[in-house]
Amino acid sequence: MDPAQAAQVMRAANAENMPAQVIGCNMFAYGAGVTQCSGSSRAAEWCTKAAEQGNPTSATMLGELYIQVCTAANTRTRRFLQIHFQFQI
């Protein structure tokens, strides 16, 4: 996805467009059109917004992000994921 497309998706997502929020979740989770390392907490944010509107895919993805944090093998990795995904455990 090019930066212009990413910007268009984000405008729609900010306007409460649920399909755009799902795309935003995936963009930040997988680094499509955005810088992945700076967008991991944004992935959780957009997954939450879409899940709150009833999107089951986003709810599942949010759960997967949470599981990554809960099952991190070592304290350093777990802390990194907590900060990155903004989960409190």
PDB file of N, CA and C in Angstrom:
ATOM      1  N   MET A   1       0.855  -1.165   0.000  1.00  0.00           N
ATOM      2  CA  MET A   1       0.000   0.000   0.000  1.00  0.00           C
ATOM      3  C   MET A   1       0.905   1.233   0.000  1.00  0.00           C
ATOM      4  N   ASP A   2       0.598   2.165  -0.865  1.00  0.00           N
ATOM      5  CA  ASP A   2       1.432   3.367  -0.923  1.00  0.00           C
ATOM      6  C   ASP A   2       0.960   4.377   0.130  1.00  0.00           C
ATOM      7  N   PRO A   3       1.784   5.365   0.449  1.00  0.00           N
ATOM      8  CA  PRO A   3       1.443   6.334   1.493  1.00  0.00           C
ATOM      9  C   PRO A   3       0.136   7.090   1.244  1.00  0.00           C
ATOM     10  N   ALA A   4      -0.179   7.380  -0.004  1.00  0.00           N
ATOM     11  CA  ALA A   4      -1.435   8.080  -0.303  1.00  0.00           C
ATOM     12  C   ALA A   4      -2.642   7.202   0.035  1.00  0.00           C
ATOM     13  N   GLN A   5      -2.559   5.923  -0.299  1.00  0.00           N
ATOM     14  CA  GLN A   5      -3.644   5.000   0.048  1.00  0.00           C
ATOM     15  C   GLN A   5      -3.762   4.851   1.553  1.00  0.00           C
ATOM     16  N   ALA A   6      -2.625   4.752   2.232  1.00  0.00           N
ATOM     17  CA  ALA A   6      -2.629   4.627   3.697  1.00  0.00           C
ATOM     18  C   ALA A   6      -3.291   5.847   4.334  1.00  0.00           C
ATOM     19  N   ALA A   7      -2.983   7.023   3.826  1.00  0.00           N
ATOM     20  CA  ALA A   7      -3.582   8.251   4.352  1.00  0.00           C
ATOM     21  C   ALA A   7      -5.090   8.265   4.135  1.00  0.00           C
ATOM     22  N   GLN A   8      -5.529   7.794   2.982  1.00  0.00           N
ATOM     23  CA  GLN A   8      -6.964   7.731   2.685  1.00  0.00           C
ATOM     24  C   GLN A   8      -7.668   6.778   3.643  1.00  0.00           C
ATOM     25  N   VAL A   9      -7.067   5.627   3.893  1.00  0.00           N
ATOM     26  CA  VAL A   9      -7.644   4.656   4.832  1.00  0.00           C
ATOM     27  C   VAL A   9      -7.736   5.269   6.223  1.00  0.00           C
ATOM     28  N   MET A  10      -6.687   5.958   6.653  1.00  0.00           N
ATOM     29  CA  MET A  10      -6.684   6.547   7.992  1.00  0.00           C
ATOM     30  C   MET A  10      -7.728   7.647   8.135  1.00  0.00           C
ATOM     31  N   ARG A  11      -7.950   8.417   7.074  1.00  0.00           N
ATOM     32  CA  ARG A  11      -9.009   9.438   7.121  1.00  0.00           C
ATOM     33  C   ARG A  11     -10.363   8.771   7.330  1.00  0.00           C
ATOM     34  N   ALA A  12     -10.612   7.699   6.593  1.00  0.00           N
ATOM     35  CA  ALA A  12     -11.882   6.981   6.733  1.00  0.00           C
ATOM     36  C   ALA A  12     -11.992   6.332   8.113  1.00  0.00           C
ATOM     37  N   ALA A  13     -10.897   5.756   8.603  1.00  0.00           N
ATOM     38  CA  ALA A  13     -10.909   5.114   9.922  1.00  0.00           C
ATOM     39  C   ALA A  13     -11.197   6.140  11.015  1.00  0.00           C
ATOM     40  N   ASN A  14     -10.594   7.306  10.901  1.00  0.00           N
ATOM     41  CA  ASN A  14     -10.848   8.366  11.885  1.00  0.00           C
ATOM     42  C   ASN A  14     -12.285   8.875  11.833  1.00  0.00           C
ATOM     43  N   ALA A  15     -12.952   8.657  10.703  1.00  0.00           N
ATOM     44  CA  ALA A  15     -14.356   9.048  10.552  1.00  0.00           C
ATOM     45  C   ALA A  15     -15.294   7.914  10.978  1.00  0.00           C
ATOM     46  N   GLU A  16     -14.756   6.951  11.768  1.00  0.00           N
ATOM     47  CA  GLU A  16     -15.528   5.827  12.314  1.00  0.00           C
ATOM     48  C   GLU A  16     -15.994   4.822  11.254  1.00  0.00           C
ATOM     49  N   ASN A  17     -15.303   4.755  10.123  1.00  0.00           N
ATOM     50  CA  ASN A  17     -15.621   3.777   9.096  1.00  0.00           C
ATOM     51  C   ASN A  17     -15.017   2.434   9.526  1.00  0.00           C
ATOM     52  N   MET A  18     -15.875   1.480   9.925  1.00  0.00           N
ATOM     53  CA  MET A  18     -15.400   0.227  10.487  1.00  0.00           C
ATOM     54  C   MET A  18     -14.525  -0.579   9.531  1.00  0.00           C
ATOM     55  N   PRO A  19     -14.889  -0.738   8.243  1.00  0.00           N
ATOM     56  CA  PRO A  19     -13.980  -1.459   7.346  1.00  0.00           C
ATOM     57  C   PRO A  19     -12.595  -0.810   7.258  1.00  0.00           C
ATOM     58  N   ALA A  20     -12.549   0.515   7.280  1.00  0.00           N
ATOM     59  CA  ALA A  20     -11.259   1.210   7.254  1.00  0.00           C
ATOM     60  C   ALA A  20     -10.498   0.977   8.553  1.00  0.00           C
ATOM     61  N   GLN A  21     -11.210   0.865   9.676  1.00  0.00           N
ATOM     62  CA  GLN A  21     -10.550   0.579  10.949  1.00  0.00           C
ATOM     63  C   GLN A  21      -9.918  -0.812  10.931  1.00  0.00           C
ATOM     64  N   VAL A  22     -10.603  -1.776  10.308  1.00  0.00           N
ATOM     65  CA  VAL A  22     -10.049  -3.129  10.168  1.00  0.00           C
ATOM     66  C   VAL A  22      -8.779  -3.074   9.316  1.00  0.00           C
ATOM     67  N   ILE A  23      -8.829  -2.334   8.224  1.00  0.00           N
ATOM     68  CA  ILE A  23      -7.654  -2.195   7.364  1.00  0.00           C
ATOM     69  C   ILE A  23      -6.536  -1.496   8.137  1.00  0.00           C
ATOM     70  N   GLY A  24      -6.884  -0.467   8.904  1.00  0.00           N
ATOM     71  CA  GLY A  24      -5.890   0.230   9.720  1.00  0.00           C
ATOM     72  C   GLY A  24      -5.232  -0.702  10.714  1.00  0.00           C
ATOM     73  N   CYS A  25      -6.014  -1.554  11.326  1.00  0.00           N
ATOM     74  CA  CYS A  25      -5.476  -2.552  12.254  1.00  0.00           C
ATOM     75  C   CYS A  25      -4.426  -3.412  11.560  1.00  0.00           C
ATOM     76  N   ASN A  26      -4.765  -3.904  10.391  1.00  0.00           N
ATOM     77  CA  ASN A  26      -3.840  -4.750   9.642  1.00  0.00           C
ATOM     78  C   ASN A  26      -2.631  -3.968   9.130  1.00  0.00           C
ATOM     79  N   MET A  27      -2.857  -2.730   8.717  1.00  0.00           N
ATOM     80  CA  MET A  27      -1.743  -1.906   8.251  1.00  0.00           C
ATOM     81  C   MET A  27      -0.682  -1.778   9.335  1.00  0.00           C
ATOM     82  N   PHE A  28      -1.119  -1.445  10.548  1.00  0.00           N
ATOM     83  CA  PHE A  28      -0.166  -1.239  11.628  1.00  0.00           C
ATOM     84  C   PHE A  28       0.397  -2.551  12.155  1.00  0.00           C
ATOM     85  N   ALA A  29      -0.406  -3.606  12.166  1.00  0.00           N
ATOM     86  CA  ALA A  29       0.088  -4.897  12.665  1.00  0.00           C
ATOM     87  C   ALA A  29       1.147  -5.486  11.747  1.00  0.00           C
ATOM     88  N   TYR A  30       0.979  -5.282  10.438  1.00  0.00           N
ATOM     89  CA  TYR A  30       1.891  -5.918   9.472  1.00  0.00           C
ATOM     90  C   TYR A  30       2.800  -4.934   8.745  1.00  0.00           C
ATOM     91  N   GLY A  31       2.696  -3.659   9.094  1.00  0.00           N
ATOM     92  CA  GLY A  31       3.583  -2.675   8.495  1.00  0.00           C
ATOM     93  C   GLY A  31       3.280  -2.364   7.041  1.00  0.00           C
ATOM     94  N   ALA A  32       2.030  -2.465   6.644  1.00  0.00           N
ATOM     95  CA  ALA A  32       1.640  -2.183   5.254  1.00  0.00           C
ATOM     96  C   ALA A  32       1.305  -0.697   5.115  1.00  0.00           C
ATOM     97  N   GLY A  33       2.189   0.056   4.498  1.00  0.00           N
ATOM     98  CA  GLY A  33       1.944   1.477   4.287  1.00  0.00           C
ATOM     99  C   GLY A  33       2.312   2.345   5.471  1.00  0.00           C
ATOM    100  N   VAL A  34       2.810   1.731   6.529  1.00  0.00           N
ATOM    101  CA  VAL A  34       3.235   2.457   7.733  1.00  0.00           C
ATOM    102  C   VAL A  34       4.525   1.819   8.233  1.00  0.00           C
ATOM    103  N   THR A  35       5.166   2.489   9.165  1.00  0.00           N
ATOM    104  CA  THR A  35       6.346   1.905   9.793  1.00  0.00           C
ATOM    105  C   THR A  35       5.874   0.971  10.888  1.00  0.00           C
ATOM    106  N   GLN A  36       6.119  -0.321  10.734  1.00  0.00           N
ATOM    107  CA  GLN A  36       5.580  -1.313  11.651  1.00  0.00           C
ATOM    108  C   GLN A  36       6.013  -1.078  13.093  1.00  0.00           C
ATOM    109  N   CYS A  37       7.307  -0.835  13.320  1.00  0.00           N
ATOM    110  CA  CYS A  37       7.759  -0.720  14.700  1.00  0.00           C
ATOM    111  C   CYS A  37       7.140   0.476  15.409  1.00  0.00           C
ATOM    112  N   SER A  38       6.738   1.491  14.679  1.00  0.00           N
ATOM    113  CA  SER A  38       6.101   2.638  15.323  1.00  0.00           C
ATOM    114  C   SER A  38       4.592   2.480  15.374  1.00  0.00           C
ATOM    115  N   GLY A  39       4.069   1.398  14.816  1.00  0.00           N
ATOM    116  CA  GLY A  39       2.626   1.272  14.730  1.00  0.00           C
ATOM    117  C   GLY A  39       2.000   0.133  15.488  1.00  0.00           C
ATOM    118  N   SER A  40       2.778  -0.618  16.252  1.00  0.00           N
ATOM    119  CA  SER A  40       2.216  -1.783  16.924  1.00  0.00           C
ATOM    120  C   SER A  40       1.128  -1.423  17.922  1.00  0.00           C
ATOM    121  N   SER A  41       1.335  -0.371  18.707  1.00  0.00           N
ATOM    122  CA  SER A  41       0.283   0.027  19.636  1.00  0.00           C
ATOM    123  C   SER A  41      -0.916   0.581  18.874  1.00  0.00           C
ATOM    124  N   ARG A  42      -0.670   1.160  17.722  1.00  0.00           N
ATOM    125  CA  ARG A  42      -1.775   1.642  16.878  1.00  0.00           C
ATOM    126  C   ARG A  42      -2.592   0.476  16.338  1.00  0.00           C
ATOM    127  N   ALA A  43      -1.944  -0.672  16.084  1.00  0.00           N
ATOM    128  CA  ALA A  43      -2.685  -1.860  15.634  1.00  0.00           C
ATOM    129  C   ALA A  43      -3.716  -2.237  16.684  1.00  0.00           C
ATOM    130  N   ALA A  44      -3.297  -2.270  17.946  1.00  0.00           N
ATOM    131  CA  ALA A  44      -4.229  -2.605  19.026  1.00  0.00           C
ATOM    132  C   ALA A  44      -5.349  -1.564  19.115  1.00  0.00           C
ATOM    133  N   GLU A  45      -4.999  -0.310  18.925  1.00  0.00           N
ATOM    134  CA  GLU A  45      -5.997   0.768  18.967  1.00  0.00           C
ATOM    135  C   GLU A  45      -7.073   0.573  17.896  1.00  0.00           C
ATOM    136  N   TRP A  46      -6.641   0.338  16.646  1.00  0.00           N
ATOM    137  CA  TRP A  46      -7.613   0.184  15.561  1.00  0.00           C
ATOM    138  C   TRP A  46      -8.364  -1.130  15.660  1.00  0.00           C
ATOM    139  N   CYS A  47      -7.721  -2.189  16.129  1.00  0.00           N
ATOM    140  CA  CYS A  47      -8.431  -3.461  16.351  1.00  0.00           C
ATOM    141  C   CYS A  47      -9.544  -3.260  17.376  1.00  0.00           C
ATOM    142  N   THR A  48      -9.238  -2.524  18.436  1.00  0.00           N
ATOM    143  CA  THR A  48     -10.230  -2.268  19.483  1.00  0.00           C
ATOM    144  C   THR A  48     -11.414  -1.483  18.928  1.00  0.00           C
ATOM    145  N   LYS A  49     -11.136  -0.437  18.168  1.00  0.00           N
ATOM    146  CA  LYS A  49     -12.226   0.382  17.615  1.00  0.00           C
ATOM    147  C   LYS A  49     -13.138  -0.438  16.706  1.00  0.00           C
ATOM    148  N   ALA A  50     -12.539  -1.249  15.847  1.00  0.00           N
ATOM    149  CA  ALA A  50     -13.354  -2.070  14.938  1.00  0.00           C
ATOM    150  C   ALA A  50     -14.090  -3.161  15.711  1.00  0.00           C
ATOM    151  N   ALA A  51     -13.432  -3.764  16.704  1.00  0.00           N
ATOM    152  CA  ALA A  51     -14.072  -4.814  17.503  1.00  0.00           C
ATOM    153  C   ALA A  51     -15.258  -4.246  18.281  1.00  0.00           C
ATOM    154  N   GLU A  52     -15.115  -3.035  18.790  1.00  0.00           N
ATOM    155  CA  GLU A  52     -16.213  -2.394  19.521  1.00  0.00           C
ATOM    156  C   GLU A  52     -17.416  -2.128  18.632  1.00  0.00           C
ATOM    157  N   GLN A  53     -17.186  -2.064  17.323  1.00  0.00           N
ATOM    158  CA  GLN A  53     -18.292  -1.885  16.381  1.00  0.00           C
ATOM    159  C   GLN A  53     -18.835  -3.229  15.893  1.00  0.00           C
ATOM    160  N   GLY A  54     -18.304  -4.328  16.462  1.00  0.00           N
ATOM    161  CA  GLY A  54     -18.840  -5.643  16.159  1.00  0.00           C
ATOM    162  C   GLY A  54     -18.094  -6.436  15.114  1.00  0.00           C
ATOM    163  N   ASN A  55     -16.888  -6.020  14.739  1.00  0.00           N
ATOM    164  CA  ASN A  55     -16.135  -6.770  13.733  1.00  0.00           C
ATOM    165  C   ASN A  55     -15.426  -7.954  14.375  1.00  0.00           C
ATOM    166  N   PRO A  56     -15.830  -9.195  14.040  1.00  0.00           N
ATOM    167  CA  PRO A  56     -15.242 -10.373  14.684  1.00  0.00           C
ATOM    168  C   PRO A  56     -13.774 -10.607  14.321  1.00  0.00           C
ATOM    169  N   THR A  57     -13.370 -10.242  13.122  1.00  0.00           N
ATOM    170  CA  THR A  57     -11.977 -10.417  12.724  1.00  0.00           C
ATOM    171  C   THR A  57     -11.066  -9.556  13.589  1.00  0.00           C
ATOM    172  N   SER A  58     -11.466  -8.327  13.826  1.00  0.00           N
ATOM    173  CA  SER A  58     -10.668  -7.434  14.663  1.00  0.00           C
ATOM    174  C   SER A  58     -10.638  -7.899  16.110  1.00  0.00           C
ATOM    175  N   ALA A  59     -11.760  -8.419  16.592  1.00  0.00           N
ATOM    176  CA  ALA A  59     -11.792  -8.953  17.959  1.00  0.00           C
ATOM    177  C   ALA A  59     -10.821 -10.116  18.093  1.00  0.00           C
ATOM    178  N   THR A  60     -10.774 -10.975  17.081  1.00  0.00           N
ATOM    179  CA  THR A  60      -9.847 -12.105  17.089  1.00  0.00           C
ATOM    180  C   THR A  60      -8.404 -11.622  17.048  1.00  0.00           C
ATOM    181  N   MET A  61      -8.132 -10.661  16.194  1.00  0.00           N
ATOM    182  CA  MET A  61      -6.771 -10.148  16.088  1.00  0.00           C
ATOM    183  C   MET A  61      -6.333  -9.478  17.388  1.00  0.00           C
ATOM    184  N   LEU A  62      -7.228  -8.756  18.030  1.00  0.00           N
ATOM    185  CA  LEU A  62      -6.918  -8.125  19.307  1.00  0.00           C
ATOM    186  C   LEU A  62      -6.576  -9.193  20.347  1.00  0.00           C
ATOM    187  N   GLY A  63      -7.331 -10.278  20.329  1.00  0.00           N
ATOM    188  CA  GLY A  63      -7.035 -11.394  21.225  1.00  0.00           C
ATOM    189  C   GLY A  63      -5.674 -11.999  20.944  1.00  0.00           C
ATOM    190  N   GLU A  64      -5.324 -12.110  19.681  1.00  0.00           N
ATOM    191  CA  GLU A  64      -4.012 -12.662  19.315  1.00  0.00           C
ATOM    192  C   GLU A  64      -2.883 -11.749  19.779  1.00  0.00           C
ATOM    193  N   LEU A  65      -3.067 -10.435  19.662  1.00  0.00           N
ATOM    194  CA  LEU A  65      -2.066  -9.496  20.157  1.00  0.00           C
ATOM    195  C   LEU A  65      -1.897  -9.661  21.668  1.00  0.00           C
ATOM    196  N   TYR A  66      -3.005  -9.818  22.360  1.00  0.00           N
ATOM    197  CA  TYR A  66      -2.968  -9.981  23.813  1.00  0.00           C
ATOM    198  C   TYR A  66      -2.252 -11.279  24.189  1.00  0.00           C
ATOM    199  N   ILE A  67      -2.528 -12.351  23.479  1.00  0.00           N
ATOM    200  CA  ILE A  67      -1.878 -13.638  23.748  1.00  0.00           C
ATOM    201  C   ILE A  67      -0.371 -13.529  23.541  1.00  0.00           C
ATOM    202  N   GLN A  68       0.052 -12.790  22.534  1.00  0.00           N
ATOM    203  CA  GLN A  68       1.492 -12.597  22.311  1.00  0.00           C
ATOM    204  C   GLN A  68       2.142 -11.997  23.548  1.00  0.00           C
ATOM    205  N   VAL A  69       1.458 -11.061  24.175  1.00  0.00           N
ATOM    206  CA  VAL A  69       1.999 -10.432  25.373  1.00  0.00           C
ATOM    207  C   VAL A  69       1.995 -11.419  26.542  1.00  0.00           C
ATOM    208  N   CYS A  70       0.893 -12.125  26.728  1.00  0.00           N
ATOM    209  CA  CYS A  70       0.763 -13.038  27.865  1.00  0.00           C
ATOM    210  C   CYS A  70       1.732 -14.206  27.806  1.00  0.00           C
ATOM    211  N   THR A  71       2.068 -14.648  26.621  1.00  0.00           N
ATOM    212  CA  THR A  71       2.892 -15.846  26.486  1.00  0.00           C
ATOM    213  C   THR A  71       4.350 -15.548  26.159  1.00  0.00           C
ATOM    214  N   ALA A  72       4.739 -14.295  26.234  1.00  0.00           N
ATOM    215  CA  ALA A  72       6.141 -13.951  25.955  1.00  0.00           C
ATOM    216  C   ALA A  72       7.043 -14.738  26.900  1.00  0.00           C
ATOM    217  N   ALA A  73       8.058 -15.359  26.335  1.00  0.00           N
ATOM    218  CA  ALA A  73       8.902 -16.292  27.080  1.00  0.00           C
ATOM    219  C   ALA A  73       9.731 -15.619  28.167  1.00  0.00           C
ATOM    220  N   ASN A  74      10.225 -14.440  27.908  1.00  0.00           N
ATOM    221  CA  ASN A  74      11.065 -13.820  28.929  1.00  0.00           C
ATOM    222  C   ASN A  74      10.530 -12.442  29.301  1.00  0.00           C
ATOM    223  N   THR A  75      10.977 -11.974  30.443  1.00  0.00           N
ATOM    224  CA  THR A  75      10.485 -10.718  30.985  1.00  0.00           C
ATOM    225  C   THR A  75      10.760  -9.544  30.061  1.00  0.00           C
ATOM    226  N   ARG A  76      11.941  -9.519  29.449  1.00  0.00           N
ATOM    227  CA  ARG A  76      12.290  -8.406  28.557  1.00  0.00           C
ATOM    228  C   ARG A  76      11.357  -8.357  27.353  1.00  0.00           C
ATOM    229  N   THR A  77      11.110  -9.508  26.740  1.00  0.00           N
ATOM    230  CA  THR A  77      10.196  -9.570  25.586  1.00  0.00           C
ATOM    231  C   THR A  77       8.787  -9.199  26.011  1.00  0.00           C
ATOM    232  N   ARG A  78       8.376  -9.721  27.155  1.00  0.00           N
ATOM    233  CA  ARG A  78       7.025  -9.441  27.646  1.00  0.00           C
ATOM    234  C   ARG A  78       6.852  -7.934  27.887  1.00  0.00           C
ATOM    235  N   ARG A  79       7.832  -7.308  28.517  1.00  0.00           N
ATOM    236  CA  ARG A  79       7.751  -5.867  28.790  1.00  0.00           C
ATOM    237  C   ARG A  79       7.702  -5.072  27.487  1.00  0.00           C
ATOM    238  N   PHE A  80       8.524  -5.482  26.521  1.00  0.00           N
ATOM    239  CA  PHE A  80       8.517  -4.822  25.216  1.00  0.00           C
ATOM    240  C   PHE A  80       7.120  -4.894  24.599  1.00  0.00           C
ATOM    241  N   LEU A  81       6.513  -6.075  24.618  1.00  0.00           N
ATOM    242  CA  LEU A  81       5.183  -6.235  24.035  1.00  0.00           C
ATOM    243  C   LEU A  81       4.135  -5.448  24.815  1.00  0.00           C
ATOM    244  N   GLN A  82       4.265  -5.414  26.142  1.00  0.00           N
ATOM    245  CA  GLN A  82       3.315  -4.631  26.937  1.00  0.00           C
ATOM    246  C   GLN A  82       3.371  -3.160  26.554  1.00  0.00           C
ATOM    247  N   ILE A  83       4.577  -2.641  26.415  1.00  0.00           N
ATOM    248  CA  ILE A  83       4.736  -1.237  26.044  1.00  0.00           C
ATOM    249  C   ILE A  83       4.248  -1.007  24.615  1.00  0.00           C
ATOM    250  N   HIS A  84       4.652  -1.901  23.724  1.00  0.00           N
ATOM    251  CA  HIS A  84       4.331  -1.738  22.307  1.00  0.00           C
ATOM    252  C   HIS A  84       2.830  -1.856  22.039  1.00  0.00           C
ATOM    253  N   PHE A  85       2.192  -2.826  22.688  1.00  0.00           N
ATOM    254  CA  PHE A  85       0.767  -3.056  22.440  1.00  0.00           C
ATOM    255  C   PHE A  85      -0.119  -2.417  23.507  1.00  0.00           C
ATOM    256  N   GLN A  86       0.489  -1.785  24.505  1.00  0.00           N
ATOM    257  CA  GLN A  86      -0.216  -1.075  25.568  1.00  0.00           C
ATOM    258  C   GLN A  86      -1.188  -1.975  26.330  1.00  0.00           C
ATOM    259  N   PHE A  87      -0.777  -3.218  26.585  1.00  0.00           N
ATOM    260  CA  PHE A  87      -1.579  -4.123  27.412  1.00  0.00           C
ATOM    261  C   PHE A  87      -1.043  -4.115  28.826  1.00  0.00           C
ATOM    262  N   GLN A  88      -1.904  -4.097  29.792  1.00  0.00           N
ATOM    263  CA  GLN A  88      -1.513  -4.195  31.192  1.00  0.00           C
ATOM    264  C   GLN A  88      -1.831  -5.607  31.674  1.00  0.00           C
ATOM    265  N   ILE A  89      -0.812  -6.294  32.150  1.00  0.00           N
ATOM    266  CA  ILE A  89      -0.996  -7.677  32.612  1.00  0.00           C
ATOM    267  C   ILE A  89      -0.559  -7.764  34.058  1.00  0.00           C
TER     268      ILE A  89
END
